[in-house]
């Protein structure tokens, strides 16, 4: 049986890039149950409300929704349970020091398979103000309009 290779994205947190200013990103493994992995292989997960928190010197991923495996039995997992992040001690301490600064938080950006193992991309982020969000939307809209204008110009 050939091993999987490459990166297969399961879920992205698109709203995070809109709501937060991303300062640093780190890849971490996850401690999962078998039914969670099977559910993820079906491409079912939601990172929308997820965040990472510290407990007893370890990082935990909370409020990430991995739905129950449809063919699971009584051994099925609960959908929003707390999941331990697998990282080196130095990485955890570095992130915790930075995240304790005012306005910073740890949020999941994406969930994916790398060579058959589930990984999560955790970001150290600072919340954007409403005017920052508006400015980003305005810039994106201006870029889109400029691209449209150039495209139309080329067609003529």
C-alpha atoms as a PDB file:
ATOM      1  CA  UNK A   1       0.000   0.000   0.000  1.00  0.00           C
ATOM      2  CA  UNK A   2       1.631   3.314  -1.058  1.00  0.00           C
ATOM      3  CA  UNK A   3       2.017   6.030   1.565  1.00  0.00           C
ATOM      4  CA  UNK A   4       0.375   9.402   1.124  1.00  0.00           C
ATOM      5  CA  UNK A   5       2.703  12.236   0.288  1.00  0.00           C
ATOM      6  CA  UNK A   6       2.267  15.964  -0.009  1.00  0.00           C
ATOM      7  CA  UNK A   7      -0.118  18.370   1.646  1.00  0.00           C
ATOM      8  CA  UNK A   8      -3.908  17.960   1.516  1.00  0.00           C
ATOM      9  CA  UNK A   9      -5.889  20.848   3.025  1.00  0.00           C
ATOM     10  CA  UNK A  10      -8.944  19.883   5.078  1.00  0.00           C
ATOM     11  CA  UNK A  11     -10.160  23.284   6.337  1.00  0.00           C
ATOM     12  CA  UNK A  12      -9.114  26.938   6.155  1.00  0.00           C
ATOM     13  CA  UNK A  13     -10.023  29.756   8.522  1.00  0.00           C
ATOM     14  CA  UNK A  14     -10.636  32.528   5.968  1.00  0.00           C
ATOM     15  CA  UNK A  15     -12.274  34.800   8.506  1.00  0.00           C
ATOM     16  CA  UNK A  16      -9.132  34.818  10.672  1.00  0.00           C
ATOM     17  CA  UNK A  17      -7.118  36.736   8.069  1.00  0.00           C
ATOM     18  CA  UNK A  18      -9.909  39.315   7.921  1.00  0.00           C
ATOM     19  CA  UNK A  19     -10.385  39.686  11.687  1.00  0.00           C
ATOM     20  CA  UNK A  20      -6.751  39.421  12.815  1.00  0.00           C
ATOM     21  CA  UNK A  21      -3.326  40.740  11.906  1.00  0.00           C
ATOM     22  CA  UNK A  22      -1.158  37.608  11.616  1.00  0.00           C
ATOM     23  CA  UNK A  23       2.273  38.093  13.210  1.00  0.00           C
ATOM     24  CA  UNK A  24       3.744  34.579  13.317  1.00  0.00           C
ATOM     25  CA  UNK A  25       2.709  31.067  12.271  1.00  0.00           C
ATOM     26  CA  UNK A  26       3.726  27.629  13.553  1.00  0.00           C
ATOM     27  CA  UNK A  27       2.859  24.101  12.422  1.00  0.00           C
ATOM     28  CA  UNK A  28       1.735  21.703  15.148  1.00  0.00           C
ATOM     29  CA  UNK A  29       0.538  18.126  15.321  1.00  0.00           C
ATOM     30  CA  UNK A  30      -2.718  17.086  16.982  1.00  0.00           C
ATOM     31  CA  UNK A  31      -3.636  14.267  19.345  1.00  0.00           C
ATOM     32  CA  UNK A  32      -6.761  12.775  17.761  1.00  0.00           C
ATOM     33  CA  UNK A  33      -9.016   9.770  18.159  1.00  0.00           C
ATOM     34  CA  UNK A  34      -9.465   7.332  15.273  1.00  0.00           C
ATOM     35  CA  UNK A  35     -12.988   8.512  14.434  1.00  0.00           C
ATOM     36  CA  UNK A  36     -11.733  12.117  14.253  1.00  0.00           C
ATOM     37  CA  UNK A  37      -9.104  11.168  11.675  1.00  0.00           C
ATOM     38  CA  UNK A  38     -11.717   9.275   9.627  1.00  0.00           C
ATOM     39  CA  UNK A  39     -14.037  12.278   9.753  1.00  0.00           C
ATOM     40  CA  UNK A  40     -11.172  14.556   8.661  1.00  0.00           C
ATOM     41  CA  UNK A  41     -10.348  12.221   5.754  1.00  0.00           C
ATOM     42  CA  UNK A  42     -13.890  12.875   4.558  1.00  0.00           C
ATOM     43  CA  UNK A  43     -12.956  16.590   4.542  1.00  0.00           C
ATOM     44  CA  UNK A  44     -15.228  17.621   7.374  1.00  0.00           C
ATOM     45  CA  UNK A  45     -14.046  20.270   9.858  1.00  0.00           C
ATOM     46  CA  UNK A  46     -14.643  23.890  10.839  1.00  0.00           C
ATOM     47  CA  UNK A  47     -12.045  26.219  12.365  1.00  0.00           C
ATOM     48  CA  UNK A  48     -14.310  29.277  12.559  1.00  0.00           C
ATOM     49  CA  UNK A  49     -14.525  29.697  16.340  1.00  0.00           C
ATOM     50  CA  UNK A  50     -11.313  27.867  17.224  1.00  0.00           C
ATOM     51  CA  UNK A  51      -8.489  29.122  19.393  1.00  0.00           C
ATOM     52  CA  UNK A  52      -5.524  27.725  21.295  1.00  0.00           C
ATOM     53  CA  UNK A  53      -5.094  28.066  25.041  1.00  0.00           C
ATOM     54  CA  UNK A  54      -2.527  27.079  27.641  1.00  0.00           C
ATOM     55  CA  UNK A  55      -3.187  24.553  30.390  1.00  0.00           C
ATOM     56  CA  UNK A  56      -0.455  23.096  32.633  1.00  0.00           C
ATOM     57  CA  UNK A  57       2.311  24.297  30.310  1.00  0.00           C
ATOM     58  CA  UNK A  58       0.751  22.640  27.242  1.00  0.00           C
ATOM     59  CA  UNK A  59      -1.185  24.125  24.331  1.00  0.00           C
ATOM     60  CA  UNK A  60      -4.711  22.902  23.614  1.00  0.00           C
ATOM     61  CA  UNK A  61      -6.864  23.539  20.560  1.00  0.00           C
ATOM     62  CA  UNK A  62     -10.380  24.420  21.636  1.00  0.00           C
ATOM     63  CA  UNK A  63     -13.745  24.977  19.972  1.00  0.00           C
ATOM     64  CA  UNK A  64     -12.707  23.419  16.644  1.00  0.00           C
ATOM     65  CA  UNK A  65     -15.616  21.468  15.182  1.00  0.00           C
ATOM     66  CA  UNK A  66     -14.813  18.013  13.801  1.00  0.00           C
ATOM     67  CA  UNK A  67     -18.196  16.332  13.249  1.00  0.00           C
ATOM     68  CA  UNK A  68     -18.826  12.805  14.432  1.00  0.00           C
ATOM     69  CA  UNK A  69     -17.833  10.029  12.051  1.00  0.00           C
ATOM     70  CA  UNK A  70     -21.010   8.837  10.342  1.00  0.00           C
ATOM     71  CA  UNK A  71     -20.132   5.126  10.524  1.00  0.00           C
ATOM     72  CA  UNK A  72     -18.820   5.445  14.092  1.00  0.00           C
ATOM     73  CA  UNK A  73     -20.275   3.474  16.982  1.00  0.00           C
ATOM     74  CA  UNK A  74     -20.258   4.135  20.716  1.00  0.00           C
ATOM     75  CA  UNK A  75     -16.523   4.946  20.394  1.00  0.00           C
ATOM     76  CA  UNK A  76     -17.322   8.146  18.458  1.00  0.00           C
ATOM     77  CA  UNK A  77     -15.808  11.433  19.655  1.00  0.00           C
ATOM     78  CA  UNK A  78     -17.573  14.613  20.763  1.00  0.00           C
ATOM     79  CA  UNK A  79     -17.478  17.244  18.023  1.00  0.00           C
ATOM     80  CA  UNK A  80     -15.997  20.203  19.936  1.00  0.00           C
ATOM     81  CA  UNK A  81     -13.732  18.486  22.427  1.00  0.00           C
ATOM     82  CA  UNK A  82     -10.390  19.962  23.534  1.00  0.00           C
ATOM     83  CA  UNK A  83      -7.424  18.569  21.548  1.00  0.00           C
ATOM     84  CA  UNK A  84      -3.797  18.640  22.596  1.00  0.00           C
ATOM     85  CA  UNK A  85      -1.276  20.315  20.278  1.00  0.00           C
ATOM     86  CA  UNK A  86       2.033  18.543  19.721  1.00  0.00           C
ATOM     87  CA  UNK A  87       4.928  21.021  19.731  1.00  0.00           C
ATOM     88  CA  UNK A  88       8.424  21.285  21.143  1.00  0.00           C
ATOM     89  CA  UNK A  89       8.656  22.845  24.608  1.00  0.00           C
ATOM     90  CA  UNK A  90      10.714  25.800  23.297  1.00  0.00           C
ATOM     91  CA  UNK A  91       8.105  26.589  20.628  1.00  0.00           C
ATOM     92  CA  UNK A  92       5.300  26.462  23.200  1.00  0.00           C
ATOM     93  CA  UNK A  93       7.127  28.775  25.603  1.00  0.00           C
ATOM     94  CA  UNK A  94       7.978  31.238  22.810  1.00  0.00           C
ATOM     95  CA  UNK A  95       4.336  31.384  21.679  1.00  0.00           C
ATOM     96  CA  UNK A  96       3.011  31.692  25.230  1.00  0.00           C
ATOM     97  CA  UNK A  97       5.315  34.612  26.033  1.00  0.00           C
ATOM     98  CA  UNK A  98       4.201  36.458  22.889  1.00  0.00           C
ATOM     99  CA  UNK A  99       0.517  35.600  23.352  1.00  0.00           C
ATOM    100  CA  UNK A 100       0.435  37.044  26.875  1.00  0.00           C
ATOM    101  CA  UNK A 101       1.056  40.513  25.431  1.00  0.00           C
ATOM    102  CA  UNK A 102      -2.012  42.706  25.300  1.00  0.00           C
ATOM    103  CA  UNK A 103      -4.359  42.025  22.385  1.00  0.00           C
ATOM    104  CA  UNK A 104      -2.634  38.836  21.180  1.00  0.00           C
ATOM    105  CA  UNK A 105      -4.214  35.426  20.760  1.00  0.00           C
ATOM    106  CA  UNK A 106      -3.476  32.039  19.212  1.00  0.00           C
ATOM    107  CA  UNK A 107      -5.825  30.971  16.427  1.00  0.00           C
ATOM    108  CA  UNK A 108      -5.859  28.069  13.936  1.00  0.00           C
ATOM    109  CA  UNK A 109      -5.448  29.134  10.300  1.00  0.00           C
ATOM    110  CA  UNK A 110      -5.663  25.782   8.531  1.00  0.00           C
ATOM    111  CA  UNK A 111      -6.011  22.063   9.147  1.00  0.00           C
ATOM    112  CA  UNK A 112      -4.321  19.667   6.718  1.00  0.00           C
ATOM    113  CA  UNK A 113      -2.699  16.296   6.149  1.00  0.00           C
ATOM    114  CA  UNK A 114       1.077  16.110   5.621  1.00  0.00           C
ATOM    115  CA  UNK A 115       2.282  12.636   4.644  1.00  0.00           C
ATOM    116  CA  UNK A 116      -0.798  11.096   6.268  1.00  0.00           C
ATOM    117  CA  UNK A 117      -0.494  13.004   9.575  1.00  0.00           C
ATOM    118  CA  UNK A 118      -2.942  15.734  10.645  1.00  0.00           C
ATOM    119  CA  UNK A 119      -1.301  19.116  11.193  1.00  0.00           C
ATOM    120  CA  UNK A 120      -2.698  22.486  12.178  1.00  0.00           C
ATOM    121  CA  UNK A 121      -1.205  25.891  11.381  1.00  0.00           C
ATOM    122  CA  UNK A 122      -1.409  28.055  14.506  1.00  0.00           C
ATOM    123  CA  UNK A 123      -1.021  31.830  14.220  1.00  0.00           C
ATOM    124  CA  UNK A 124      -0.026  34.390  16.784  1.00  0.00           C
ATOM    125  CA  UNK A 125      -2.472  37.166  15.946  1.00  0.00           C
ATOM    126  CA  UNK A 126      -3.591  40.567  17.094  1.00  0.00           C
ATOM    127  CA  UNK A 127      -7.218  41.614  16.623  1.00  0.00           C
ATOM    128  CA  UNK A 128      -7.887  44.273  14.003  1.00  0.00           C
ATOM    129  CA  UNK A 129      -9.934  47.340  14.750  1.00  0.00           C
ATOM    130  CA  UNK A 130     -13.053  47.983  12.669  1.00  0.00           C
ATOM    131  CA  UNK A 131     -11.350  50.728  10.661  1.00  0.00           C
ATOM    132  CA  UNK A 132      -8.459  48.351   9.833  1.00  0.00           C
ATOM    133  CA  UNK A 133     -10.951  45.822   8.467  1.00  0.00           C
ATOM    134  CA  UNK A 134     -12.640  48.509   6.379  1.00  0.00           C
ATOM    135  CA  UNK A 135      -9.278  49.680   5.054  1.00  0.00           C
ATOM    136  CA  UNK A 136      -8.307  46.124   4.047  1.00  0.00           C
ATOM    137  CA  UNK A 137     -11.645  45.637   2.253  1.00  0.00           C
ATOM    138  CA  UNK A 138     -11.229  48.975   0.466  1.00  0.00           C
ATOM    139  CA  UNK A 139      -7.695  48.061  -0.673  1.00  0.00           C
ATOM    140  CA  UNK A 140      -8.858  44.666  -1.926  1.00  0.00           C
ATOM    141  CA  UNK A 141     -11.756  46.258  -3.807  1.00  0.00           C
ATOM    142  CA  UNK A 142      -9.448  48.898  -5.354  1.00  0.00           C
ATOM    143  CA  UNK A 143      -7.010  46.182  -6.474  1.00  0.00           C
ATOM    144  CA  UNK A 144      -9.871  44.211  -8.026  1.00  0.00           C
ATOM    145  CA  UNK A 145     -11.121  47.278  -9.905  1.00  0.00           C
ATOM    146  CA  UNK A 146      -7.604  48.069 -11.155  1.00  0.00           C
ATOM    147  CA  UNK A 147      -7.188  44.485 -12.397  1.00  0.00           C
ATOM    148  CA  UNK A 148     -10.560  44.698 -14.170  1.00  0.00           C
ATOM    149  CA  UNK A 149      -9.608  47.974 -15.827  1.00  0.00           C
ATOM    150  CA  UNK A 150      -6.262  46.557 -17.014  1.00  0.00           C
ATOM    151  CA  UNK A 151      -7.998  43.428 -18.266  1.00  0.00           C
ATOM    152  CA  UNK A 152     -10.516  45.456 -20.251  1.00  0.00           C
ATOM    153  CA  UNK A 153      -7.721  47.655 -21.621  1.00  0.00           C
ATOM    154  CA  UNK A 154      -5.819  44.614 -22.878  1.00  0.00           C
ATOM    155  CA  UNK A 155      -8.900  43.231 -24.629  1.00  0.00           C
ATOM    156  CA  UNK A 156      -9.335  46.433 -26.688  1.00  0.00           C
END
